[in-house]
Amino acid sequence: MAATAVSWNASSYGHRRRERSIKVGVVGCGDRMKGALIPAFLQHAKEMNFEFVAVSDIWNRRREEGTAYIESLAGQGRFGPQQR
């Protein structure tokens, strides 16, 4: 029996990036998410055509803080300017 492995890097999806953005939801908005992952994500979001569209957390306070944090870093409105 033969097996085949295929690997693509992000540049191979270039044609899809131009067509539409990739929607991302945050699940769990704790210290690691706010301290490292969200800033890193936002640093590359425009280049890779990603956008935050949702925040989820079991704790209301964390969910509200996470939403406010992303909005403060992204700029304006709900997670920053929307690209449609």
Protein backbone atom coordinates (compact mmCIF):
# COMPACT_ATOMS: atom_id res chain seq x y z
CA MET A 1 0.00 0.00 0.00
CA ALA A 2 1.40 3.39 -0.98
CA ALA A 3 0.87 6.65 0.87
CA THR A 4 1.19 10.15 -0.45
CA ALA A 5 1.82 13.28 1.58
CA VAL A 6 1.13 16.72 0.18
CA SER A 7 2.20 19.97 1.78
CA TRP A 8 1.35 23.51 0.73
CA ASN A 9 2.59 26.71 2.21
CA ALA A 10 0.53 29.90 2.60
CA SER A 11 1.75 31.34 -0.72
CA SER A 12 0.07 28.51 -2.61
CA TYR A 13 -3.25 29.96 -1.52
CA GLY A 14 -2.50 33.36 -3.09
CA HIS A 15 -5.34 33.17 -5.58
CA ARG A 16 -7.83 32.48 -2.76
CA ARG A 17 -6.57 35.41 -0.65
CA ARG A 18 -7.48 37.83 -3.42
CA GLU A 19 -10.97 36.41 -3.76
CA ARG A 20 -12.17 36.68 -0.16
CA SER A 21 -10.90 37.04 3.36
CA ILE A 22 -10.53 34.22 5.83
CA LYS A 23 -12.78 34.64 8.86
CA VAL A 24 -11.32 33.76 12.27
CA GLY A 25 -13.01 33.31 15.64
CA VAL A 26 -11.20 33.42 18.96
CA VAL A 27 -12.11 30.57 21.31
CA GLY A 28 -10.91 31.36 24.81
CA CYS A 29 -9.51 34.84 25.36
CA GLY A 30 -7.05 34.41 28.21
CA ASP A 31 -3.64 35.89 28.88
CA ARG A 32 -1.82 33.84 26.24
CA MET A 33 -4.31 34.83 23.56
CA LYS A 34 -4.15 38.52 24.46
CA GLY A 35 -0.42 38.61 25.16
CA ALA A 36 0.92 36.76 22.15
CA LEU A 37 -1.51 35.26 19.68
CA ILE A 38 -3.78 38.23 18.92
CA PRO A 39 -0.89 40.70 18.40
CA ALA A 40 0.94 38.20 16.18
CA PHE A 41 -2.21 37.52 14.21
CA LEU A 42 -2.96 41.21 13.66
CA GLN A 43 0.61 41.79 12.51
CA HIS A 44 -0.02 39.49 9.52
CA ALA A 45 -3.79 39.84 9.07
CA LYS A 46 -3.73 42.33 6.20
CA GLU A 47 -0.96 40.56 4.32
CA MET A 48 -2.67 37.17 4.62
CA ASN A 49 -6.21 38.56 4.27
CA PHE A 50 -7.53 37.32 7.63
CA GLU A 51 -10.05 39.04 9.88
CA PHE A 52 -11.50 38.43 13.33
CA VAL A 53 -15.25 37.90 13.24
CA ALA A 54 -16.08 36.39 16.64
CA VAL A 55 -14.88 36.00 20.22
CA SER A 56 -16.01 33.17 22.48
CA ASP A 57 -15.18 32.40 26.07
CA ILE A 58 -16.99 30.57 28.83
CA TRP A 59 -16.68 33.65 31.07
CA ASN A 60 -18.66 36.76 30.07
CA ARG A 61 -15.99 39.06 31.46
CA ARG A 62 -13.21 37.42 29.42
CA ARG A 63 -15.35 37.54 26.29
CA GLU A 64 -16.08 41.25 26.73
CA GLU A 65 -12.45 42.04 27.59
CA GLY A 66 -11.26 40.04 24.58
CA THR A 67 -13.62 41.88 22.25
CA ALA A 68 -12.52 45.27 23.60
CA TYR A 69 -8.85 44.24 23.36
CA ILE A 70 -9.09 43.16 19.74
CA GLU A 71 -11.01 46.32 18.83
CA SER A 72 -8.37 48.49 20.53
CA LEU A 73 -5.56 46.84 18.56
CA ALA A 74 -7.41 46.51 15.24
CA GLY A 75 -8.50 50.13 15.15
CA GLN A 76 -12.18 50.83 14.96
CA GLY A 77 -15.59 49.24 15.25
CA ARG A 78 -16.15 45.56 15.75
CA PHE A 79 -12.64 44.17 15.24
CA GLY A 80 -11.54 46.97 12.95
CA PRO A 81 -12.36 47.89 9.36
CA GLN A 82 -14.29 45.22 7.51
CA GLN A 83 -13.13 44.23 4.05
CA ARG A 84 -15.99 43.00 1.91
